[in-house]
């Protein structure tokens, strides 16, 4: 279950970064980067 949530968080982050860059909007791209940071912290935790 933990891995599924981690993968979903990464997918959502990548989609938000892509949409933010495509539409030239900074807030969604920054949120996507934040999601990647959270996913990295959850991955290291365990």
PDB file of N, CA and C in Angstrom:
ATOM      1  N   UNK A   1       0.824  -1.197   0.000  1.00  0.00           N
ATOM      2  CA  UNK A   1       0.000   0.000   0.000  1.00  0.00           C
ATOM      3  C   UNK A   1       0.868   1.261   0.000  1.00  0.00           C
ATOM      4  N   UNK A   2       1.952   1.208   0.772  1.00  0.00           N
ATOM      5  CA  UNK A   2       2.852   2.357   0.867  1.00  0.00           C
ATOM      6  C   UNK A   2       3.462   2.673  -0.496  1.00  0.00           C
ATOM      7  N   UNK A   3       3.844   1.635  -1.237  1.00  0.00           N
ATOM      8  CA  UNK A   3       4.454   1.852  -2.551  1.00  0.00           C
ATOM      9  C   UNK A   3       3.459   2.427  -3.549  1.00  0.00           C
ATOM     10  N   UNK A   4       2.221   1.985  -3.491  1.00  0.00           N
ATOM     11  CA  UNK A   4       1.206   2.495  -4.413  1.00  0.00           C
ATOM     12  C   UNK A   4       0.994   3.985  -4.185  1.00  0.00           C
ATOM     13  N   UNK A   5       0.893   4.397  -2.942  1.00  0.00           N
ATOM     14  CA  UNK A   5       0.712   5.821  -2.637  1.00  0.00           C
ATOM     15  C   UNK A   5       1.931   6.639  -3.062  1.00  0.00           C
ATOM     16  N   UNK A   6       3.113   6.075  -2.888  1.00  0.00           N
ATOM     17  CA  UNK A   6       4.335   6.766  -3.301  1.00  0.00           C
ATOM     18  C   UNK A   6       4.355   6.959  -4.811  1.00  0.00           C
ATOM     19  N   UNK A   7       3.999   5.922  -5.556  1.00  0.00           N
ATOM     20  CA  UNK A   7       3.972   6.033  -7.015  1.00  0.00           C
ATOM     21  C   UNK A   7       2.898   7.010  -7.488  1.00  0.00           C
ATOM     22  N   UNK A   8       1.740   7.010  -6.850  1.00  0.00           N
ATOM     23  CA  UNK A   8       0.696   7.964  -7.209  1.00  0.00           C
ATOM     24  C   UNK A   8       1.138   9.402  -6.952  1.00  0.00           C
ATOM     25  N   UNK A   9       1.830   9.621  -5.856  1.00  0.00           N
ATOM     26  CA  UNK A   9       2.322  10.961  -5.541  1.00  0.00           C
ATOM     27  C   UNK A   9       3.337  11.419  -6.585  1.00  0.00           C
ATOM     28  N   UNK A  10       4.188  10.525  -7.035  1.00  0.00           N
ATOM     29  CA  UNK A  10       5.183  10.865  -8.058  1.00  0.00           C
ATOM     30  C   UNK A  10       4.499  11.161  -9.389  1.00  0.00           C
ATOM     31  N   UNK A  11       3.501  10.362  -9.748  1.00  0.00           N
ATOM     32  CA  UNK A  11       2.785  10.588 -11.004  1.00  0.00           C
ATOM     33  C   UNK A  11       2.062  11.926 -10.981  1.00  0.00           C
ATOM     34  N   UNK A  12       1.392  12.227  -9.873  1.00  0.00           N
ATOM     35  CA  UNK A  12       0.699  13.518  -9.758  1.00  0.00           C
ATOM     36  C   UNK A  12       1.696  14.666  -9.841  1.00  0.00           C
ATOM     37  N   UNK A  13       2.843  14.512  -9.206  1.00  0.00           N
ATOM     38  CA  UNK A  13       3.861  15.562  -9.237  1.00  0.00           C
ATOM     39  C   UNK A  13       4.353  15.802 -10.662  1.00  0.00           C
ATOM     40  N   UNK A  14       4.624  14.738 -11.397  1.00  0.00           N
ATOM     41  CA  UNK A  14       5.111  14.894 -12.767  1.00  0.00           C
ATOM     42  C   UNK A  14       4.062  15.531 -13.672  1.00  0.00           C
ATOM     43  N   UNK A  15       2.807  15.155 -13.493  1.00  0.00           N
ATOM     44  CA  UNK A  15       1.733  15.754 -14.291  1.00  0.00           C
ATOM     45  C   UNK A  15       1.607  17.238 -13.976  1.00  0.00           C
ATOM     46  N   UNK A  16       1.687  17.593 -12.705  1.00  0.00           N
ATOM     47  CA  UNK A  16       1.575  19.011 -12.333  1.00  0.00           C
ATOM     48  C   UNK A  16       2.744  19.823 -12.886  1.00  0.00           C
ATOM     49  N   UNK A  17       3.945  19.258 -12.844  1.00  0.00           N
ATOM     50  CA  UNK A  17       5.109  19.958 -13.409  1.00  0.00           C
ATOM     51  C   UNK A  17       4.922  20.142 -14.913  1.00  0.00           C
ATOM     52  N   UNK A  18       4.490  19.083 -15.596  1.00  0.00           N
ATOM     53  CA  UNK A  18       4.276  19.164 -17.045  1.00  0.00           C
ATOM     54  C   UNK A  18       3.229  20.210 -17.402  1.00  0.00           C
ATOM     55  N   UNK A  19       2.096  20.177 -16.711  1.00  0.00           N
ATOM     56  CA  UNK A  19       1.040  21.144 -17.006  1.00  0.00           C
ATOM     57  C   UNK A  19       1.461  22.570 -16.660  1.00  0.00           C
ATOM     58  N   UNK A  20       2.204  22.728 -15.567  1.00  0.00           N
ATOM     59  CA  UNK A  20       2.668  24.058 -15.191  1.00  0.00           C
ATOM     60  C   UNK A  20       3.632  24.648 -16.201  1.00  0.00           C
ATOM     61  N   UNK A  21       4.513  23.807 -16.735  1.00  0.00           N
ATOM     62  CA  UNK A  21       5.470  24.283 -17.738  1.00  0.00           C
ATOM     63  C   UNK A  21       4.766  24.550 -19.061  1.00  0.00           C
ATOM     64  N   UNK A  22       3.856  23.655 -19.438  1.00  0.00           N
ATOM     65  CA  UNK A  22       3.143  23.807 -20.709  1.00  0.00           C
ATOM     66  C   UNK A  22       2.293  25.069 -20.727  1.00  0.00           C
ATOM     67  N   UNK A  23       1.653  25.400 -19.612  1.00  0.00           N
ATOM     68  CA  UNK A  23       0.787  26.575 -19.548  1.00  0.00           C
ATOM     69  C   UNK A  23       1.533  27.818 -19.067  1.00  0.00           C
ATOM     70  N   UNK A  24       2.832  27.697 -18.852  1.00  0.00           N
ATOM     71  CA  UNK A  24       3.667  28.804 -18.364  1.00  0.00           C
ATOM     72  C   UNK A  24       3.144  29.373 -17.052  1.00  0.00           C
ATOM     73  N   UNK A  25       2.751  28.471 -16.149  1.00  0.00           N
ATOM     74  CA  UNK A  25       2.285  28.888 -14.826  1.00  0.00           C
ATOM     75  C   UNK A  25       3.230  28.317 -13.781  1.00  0.00           C
ATOM     76  N   UNK A  26       3.724  29.163 -12.913  1.00  0.00           N
ATOM     77  CA  UNK A  26       4.689  28.741 -11.911  1.00  0.00           C
ATOM     78  C   UNK A  26       4.085  27.979 -10.728  1.00  0.00           C
ATOM     79  N   UNK A  27       2.920  28.365 -10.174  1.00  0.00           N
ATOM     80  CA  UNK A  27       2.409  27.668  -8.987  1.00  0.00           C
ATOM     81  C   UNK A  27       2.198  26.151  -9.150  1.00  0.00           C
ATOM     82  N   UNK A  28       1.600  25.672 -10.242  1.00  0.00           N
ATOM     83  CA  UNK A  28       1.470  24.211 -10.350  1.00  0.00           C
ATOM     84  C   UNK A  28       2.820  23.506 -10.462  1.00  0.00           C
ATOM     85  N   UNK A  29       3.763  24.129 -11.143  1.00  0.00           N
ATOM     86  CA  UNK A  29       5.086  23.526 -11.275  1.00  0.00           C
ATOM     87  C   UNK A  29       5.776  23.452  -9.916  1.00  0.00           C
ATOM     88  N   UNK A  30       5.651  24.495  -9.114  1.00  0.00           N
ATOM     89  CA  UNK A  30       6.263  24.478  -7.782  1.00  0.00           C
ATOM     90  C   UNK A  30       5.583  23.462  -6.866  1.00  0.00           C
ATOM     91  N   UNK A  31       4.281  23.312  -7.008  1.00  0.00           N
ATOM     92  CA  UNK A  31       3.568  22.307  -6.220  1.00  0.00           C
ATOM     93  C   UNK A  31       4.035  20.912  -6.601  1.00  0.00           C
ATOM     94  N   UNK A  32       4.249  20.684  -7.890  1.00  0.00           N
ATOM     95  CA  UNK A  32       4.763  19.400  -8.348  1.00  0.00           C
ATOM     96  C   UNK A  32       6.138  19.102  -7.785  1.00  0.00           C
ATOM     97  N   UNK A  33       6.989  20.109  -7.734  1.00  0.00           N
ATOM     98  CA  UNK A  33       8.321  19.936  -7.145  1.00  0.00           C
ATOM     99  C   UNK A  33       8.188  19.626  -5.658  1.00  0.00           C
ATOM    100  N   UNK A  34       7.270  20.295  -4.991  1.00  0.00           N
ATOM    101  CA  UNK A  34       7.029  20.012  -3.575  1.00  0.00           C
ATOM    102  C   UNK A  34       6.562  18.584  -3.351  1.00  0.00           C
ATOM    103  N   UNK A  35       5.695  18.091  -4.242  1.00  0.00           N
ATOM    104  CA  UNK A  35       5.247  16.707  -4.140  1.00  0.00           C
ATOM    105  C   UNK A  35       6.411  15.741  -4.320  1.00  0.00           C
ATOM    106  N   UNK A  36       7.336  16.059  -5.223  1.00  0.00           N
ATOM    107  CA  UNK A  36       8.507  15.194  -5.408  1.00  0.00           C
ATOM    108  C   UNK A  36       9.383  15.174  -4.156  1.00  0.00           C
ATOM    109  N   UNK A  37       9.508  16.316  -3.507  1.00  0.00           N
ATOM    110  CA  UNK A  37      10.283  16.376  -2.262  1.00  0.00           C
ATOM    111  C   UNK A  37       9.608  15.535  -1.178  1.00  0.00           C
ATOM    112  N   UNK A  38       8.300  15.640  -1.068  1.00  0.00           N
ATOM    113  CA  UNK A  38       7.565  14.844  -0.086  1.00  0.00           C
ATOM    114  C   UNK A  38       7.714  13.358  -0.393  1.00  0.00           C
ATOM    115  N   UNK A  39       7.627  12.982  -1.670  1.00  0.00           N
ATOM    116  CA  UNK A  39       7.780  11.578  -2.053  1.00  0.00           C
ATOM    117  C   UNK A  39       9.177  11.078  -1.715  1.00  0.00           C
ATOM    118  N   UNK A  40      10.199  11.901  -1.924  1.00  0.00           N
ATOM    119  CA  UNK A  40      11.566  11.496  -1.589  1.00  0.00           C
ATOM    120  C   UNK A  40      11.726  11.298  -0.082  1.00  0.00           C
ATOM    121  N   UNK A  41      11.108  12.172   0.701  1.00  0.00           N
ATOM    122  CA  UNK A  41      11.199  12.036   2.147  1.00  0.00           C
ATOM    123  C   UNK A  41      10.463  10.784   2.619  1.00  0.00           C
ATOM    124  N   UNK A  42       9.299  10.497   2.030  1.00  0.00           N
ATOM    125  CA  UNK A  42       8.548   9.288   2.396  1.00  0.00           C
ATOM    126  C   UNK A  42       9.312   8.026   1.990  1.00  0.00           C
ATOM    127  N   UNK A  43      10.013   8.097   0.842  1.00  0.00           N
ATOM    128  CA  UNK A  43      10.776   6.935   0.384  1.00  0.00           C
ATOM    129  C   UNK A  43      11.937   6.630   1.329  1.00  0.00           C
ATOM    130  N   UNK A  44      12.636   7.675   1.759  1.00  0.00           N
ATOM    131  CA  UNK A  44      13.764   7.486   2.680  1.00  0.00           C
ATOM    132  C   UNK A  44      13.298   7.013   4.071  1.00  0.00           C
ATOM    133  N   UNK A  45      12.104   7.460   4.446  1.00  0.00           N
ATOM    134  CA  UNK A  45      11.582   7.107   5.756  1.00  0.00           C
ATOM    135  C   UNK A  45      11.265   5.615   5.842  1.00  0.00           C
ATOM    136  N   UNK A  46      10.824   5.078   4.719  1.00  0.00           N
ATOM    137  CA  UNK A  46      10.643   3.760   4.778  1.00  0.00           C
ATOM    138  C   UNK A  46       9.837   2.720   4.429  1.00  0.00           C
TER     139      UNK A  46
END
